[in-house]
Amino acid sequence: MDKAPYVFQGERLRAIRKQRGWSQAEIRRRVQSDQSQYARYEKNRSALSIVMAARIAQELGVSLDWLLGLSDQLETACPLSEDELGLLRNFRDHDLTALLKIALREIDGCSMSR
């Protein structure tokens, strides 16, 4: 059986990290990696374990397939619901009234379920 080629692309990791506005220190902290090891990932000098690849993909909000170079489609690992997207839109628009209404609705829902 032929071995599958190593397809991880460190430049993808670096590009998406920078797109998120994170330093290497921030992503290292989030995925619990040491400085020199994480730098090797971005420079293609070290292979990712499946556990580390999953942590990184989850923190960056990308699919594992994209991170590993198996897909060119950048997908979020956990798509946002319509309610979550609405919260973000209200936050961006500085619509505090709408945000408070959503928060109160959630609080009411939590207290009713107890």
C-alpha atoms as a PDB file:
ATOM      1  CA  MET A   1       0.000   0.000   0.000  1.00  0.00           C
ATOM      2  CA  ASP A   2       1.390   3.425  -0.964  1.00  0.00           C
ATOM      3  CA  LYS A   3       1.798   6.026   1.712  1.00  0.00           C
ATOM      4  CA  ALA A   4      -0.352   9.112   1.332  1.00  0.00           C
ATOM      5  CA  PRO A   5       1.721  12.234   0.701  1.00  0.00           C
ATOM      6  CA  TYR A   6       2.064  14.680   3.552  1.00  0.00           C
ATOM      7  CA  VAL A   7      -0.268  17.463   2.448  1.00  0.00           C
ATOM      8  CA  PHE A   8      -0.276  19.922   5.348  1.00  0.00           C
ATOM      9  CA  GLN A   9       0.605  23.395   4.174  1.00  0.00           C
ATOM     10  CA  GLY A  10       2.121  25.680   6.789  1.00  0.00           C
ATOM     11  CA  GLU A  11       1.486  28.726   4.642  1.00  0.00           C
ATOM     12  CA  ARG A  12      -2.266  28.110   5.017  1.00  0.00           C
ATOM     13  CA  LEU A  13      -1.863  28.026   8.756  1.00  0.00           C
ATOM     14  CA  ARG A  14       0.126  31.262   8.768  1.00  0.00           C
ATOM     15  CA  ALA A  15      -2.264  33.029   6.370  1.00  0.00           C
ATOM     16  CA  ILE A  16      -5.439  32.201   8.298  1.00  0.00           C
ATOM     17  CA  ARG A  17      -3.780  33.083  11.614  1.00  0.00           C
ATOM     18  CA  LYS A  18      -2.821  36.480  10.227  1.00  0.00           C
ATOM     19  CA  GLN A  19      -6.287  36.938   8.721  1.00  0.00           C
ATOM     20  CA  ARG A  20      -7.722  36.424  12.219  1.00  0.00           C
ATOM     21  CA  GLY A  21      -5.308  39.071  13.502  1.00  0.00           C
ATOM     22  CA  TRP A  22      -3.607  36.665  15.906  1.00  0.00           C
ATOM     23  CA  SER A  23       0.052  36.513  16.790  1.00  0.00           C
ATOM     24  CA  GLN A  24       1.861  33.196  17.001  1.00  0.00           C
ATOM     25  CA  ALA A  25       1.800  33.626  20.776  1.00  0.00           C
ATOM     26  CA  GLU A  26      -2.012  33.873  20.765  1.00  0.00           C
ATOM     27  CA  ILE A  27      -2.628  30.754  18.671  1.00  0.00           C
ATOM     28  CA  ARG A  28       0.033  28.826  20.614  1.00  0.00           C
ATOM     29  CA  ARG A  29      -1.740  29.706  23.845  1.00  0.00           C
ATOM     30  CA  ARG A  30      -5.113  28.680  22.425  1.00  0.00           C
ATOM     31  CA  VAL A  31      -3.898  25.285  21.156  1.00  0.00           C
ATOM     32  CA  GLN A  32      -1.435  24.654  23.986  1.00  0.00           C
ATOM     33  CA  SER A  33       1.683  24.376  21.861  1.00  0.00           C
ATOM     34  CA  ASP A  34       5.182  25.558  22.665  1.00  0.00           C
ATOM     35  CA  GLN A  35       6.797  28.376  20.691  1.00  0.00           C
ATOM     36  CA  SER A  36       9.370  26.462  18.712  1.00  0.00           C
ATOM     37  CA  GLN A  37       6.995  23.633  17.789  1.00  0.00           C
ATOM     38  CA  TYR A  38       4.282  25.951  16.485  1.00  0.00           C
ATOM     39  CA  ALA A  39       6.803  27.915  14.424  1.00  0.00           C
ATOM     40  CA  ARG A  40       7.899  24.615  12.822  1.00  0.00           C
ATOM     41  CA  TYR A  41       4.284  23.903  11.839  1.00  0.00           C
ATOM     42  CA  GLU A  42       4.020  27.219   9.981  1.00  0.00           C
ATOM     43  CA  LYS A  43       7.366  26.624   8.257  1.00  0.00           C
ATOM     44  CA  ASN A  44       6.477  23.044   7.203  1.00  0.00           C
ATOM     45  CA  ARG A  45       9.324  21.679   9.309  1.00  0.00           C
ATOM     46  CA  SER A  46       7.192  19.468  11.532  1.00  0.00           C
ATOM     47  CA  ALA A  47       4.194  17.220  10.977  1.00  0.00           C
ATOM     48  CA  LEU A  48       1.009  17.917  12.890  1.00  0.00           C
ATOM     49  CA  SER A  49      -0.495  15.188  15.035  1.00  0.00           C
ATOM     50  CA  ILE A  50      -4.184  14.613  14.341  1.00  0.00           C
ATOM     51  CA  VAL A  51      -4.980  15.983  17.804  1.00  0.00           C
ATOM     52  CA  MET A  52      -3.013  19.191  17.201  1.00  0.00           C
ATOM     53  CA  ALA A  53      -4.453  19.592  13.705  1.00  0.00           C
ATOM     54  CA  ALA A  54      -7.986  19.287  15.132  1.00  0.00           C
ATOM     55  CA  ARG A  55      -7.228  21.839  17.882  1.00  0.00           C
ATOM     56  CA  ILE A  56      -5.806  24.319  15.407  1.00  0.00           C
ATOM     57  CA  ALA A  57      -8.678  23.896  12.940  1.00  0.00           C
ATOM     58  CA  GLN A  58     -11.228  24.370  15.704  1.00  0.00           C
ATOM     59  CA  GLU A  59      -9.547  27.478  17.107  1.00  0.00           C
ATOM     60  CA  LEU A  60      -9.151  29.052  13.672  1.00  0.00           C
ATOM     61  CA  GLY A  61     -12.669  28.103  12.580  1.00  0.00           C
ATOM     62  CA  VAL A  62     -11.604  26.191   9.486  1.00  0.00           C
ATOM     63  CA  SER A  63     -12.243  22.663   8.352  1.00  0.00           C
ATOM     64  CA  LEU A  64      -9.573  20.060   8.930  1.00  0.00           C
ATOM     65  CA  ASP A  65      -9.716  19.237   5.206  1.00  0.00           C
ATOM     66  CA  TRP A  66      -8.813  22.821   4.312  1.00  0.00           C
ATOM     67  CA  LEU A  67      -6.042  23.019   6.898  1.00  0.00           C
ATOM     68  CA  LEU A  68      -4.494  19.789   5.632  1.00  0.00           C
ATOM     69  CA  GLY A  69      -4.699  20.863   1.991  1.00  0.00           C
ATOM     70  CA  LEU A  70      -7.321  18.268   1.068  1.00  0.00           C
ATOM     71  CA  SER A  71      -9.830  20.938   0.068  1.00  0.00           C
ATOM     72  CA  ASP A  72      -9.542  24.445  -1.295  1.00  0.00           C
ATOM     73  CA  GLN A  73     -12.896  25.431   0.170  1.00  0.00           C
ATOM     74  CA  LEU A  74     -12.415  27.380   3.377  1.00  0.00           C
ATOM     75  CA  GLU A  75     -15.253  26.262   5.613  1.00  0.00           C
ATOM     76  CA  THR A  76     -15.810  27.001   9.240  1.00  0.00           C
ATOM     77  CA  ALA A  77     -15.498  24.001  11.499  1.00  0.00           C
ATOM     78  CA  CYS A  78     -18.621  25.073  13.346  1.00  0.00           C
ATOM     79  CA  PRO A  79     -21.012  27.174  11.253  1.00  0.00           C
ATOM     80  CA  LEU A  80     -22.944  29.875  13.067  1.00  0.00           C
ATOM     81  CA  SER A  81     -26.703  29.580  13.529  1.00  0.00           C
ATOM     82  CA  GLU A  82     -29.024  32.310  12.254  1.00  0.00           C
ATOM     83  CA  ASP A  83     -29.432  33.582  15.831  1.00  0.00           C
ATOM     84  CA  GLU A  84     -25.651  33.826  16.248  1.00  0.00           C
ATOM     85  CA  LEU A  85     -25.308  35.635  12.926  1.00  0.00           C
ATOM     86  CA  GLY A  86     -28.062  38.019  14.036  1.00  0.00           C
ATOM     87  CA  LEU A  87     -26.174  38.748  17.243  1.00  0.00           C
ATOM     88  CA  LEU A  88     -23.044  39.551  15.274  1.00  0.00           C
ATOM     89  CA  ARG A  89     -24.920  41.817  12.873  1.00  0.00           C
ATOM     90  CA  ASN A  90     -26.518  43.697  15.787  1.00  0.00           C
ATOM     91  CA  PHE A  91     -23.171  44.010  17.521  1.00  0.00           C
ATOM     92  CA  ARG A  92     -21.490  45.350  14.372  1.00  0.00           C
ATOM     93  CA  ASP A  93     -24.340  47.811  13.851  1.00  0.00           C
ATOM     94  CA  HIS A  94     -24.074  48.914  17.500  1.00  0.00           C
ATOM     95  CA  ASP A  95     -27.750  48.030  17.931  1.00  0.00           C
ATOM     96  CA  LEU A  96     -27.679  47.634  21.714  1.00  0.00           C
ATOM     97  CA  THR A  97     -31.461  47.521  21.983  1.00  0.00           C
ATOM     98  CA  ALA A  98     -31.649  44.462  19.748  1.00  0.00           C
ATOM     99  CA  LEU A  99     -28.787  42.819  21.653  1.00  0.00           C
ATOM    100  CA  LEU A 100     -30.527  43.411  24.984  1.00  0.00           C
ATOM    101  CA  LYS A 101     -33.793  41.986  23.648  1.00  0.00           C
ATOM    102  CA  ILE A 102     -32.001  38.819  22.558  1.00  0.00           C
ATOM    103  CA  ALA A 103     -30.202  38.552  25.906  1.00  0.00           C
ATOM    104  CA  LEU A 104     -33.437  39.008  27.853  1.00  0.00           C
ATOM    105  CA  ARG A 105     -35.175  36.416  25.695  1.00  0.00           C
ATOM    106  CA  GLU A 106     -32.346  33.971  26.457  1.00  0.00           C
ATOM    107  CA  ILE A 107     -32.493  34.745  30.182  1.00  0.00           C
ATOM    108  CA  ASP A 108     -36.272  34.216  30.206  1.00  0.00           C
ATOM    109  CA  GLY A 109     -35.825  30.929  28.348  1.00  0.00           C
ATOM    110  CA  CYS A 110     -33.252  29.728  30.870  1.00  0.00           C
ATOM    111  CA  SER A 111     -35.333  30.652  33.912  1.00  0.00           C
ATOM    112  CA  MET A 112     -38.435  28.984  32.459  1.00  0.00           C
ATOM    113  CA  SER A 113     -36.574  25.715  31.882  1.00  0.00           C
ATOM    114  CA  ARG A 114     -35.571  25.415  35.568  1.00  0.00           C
END
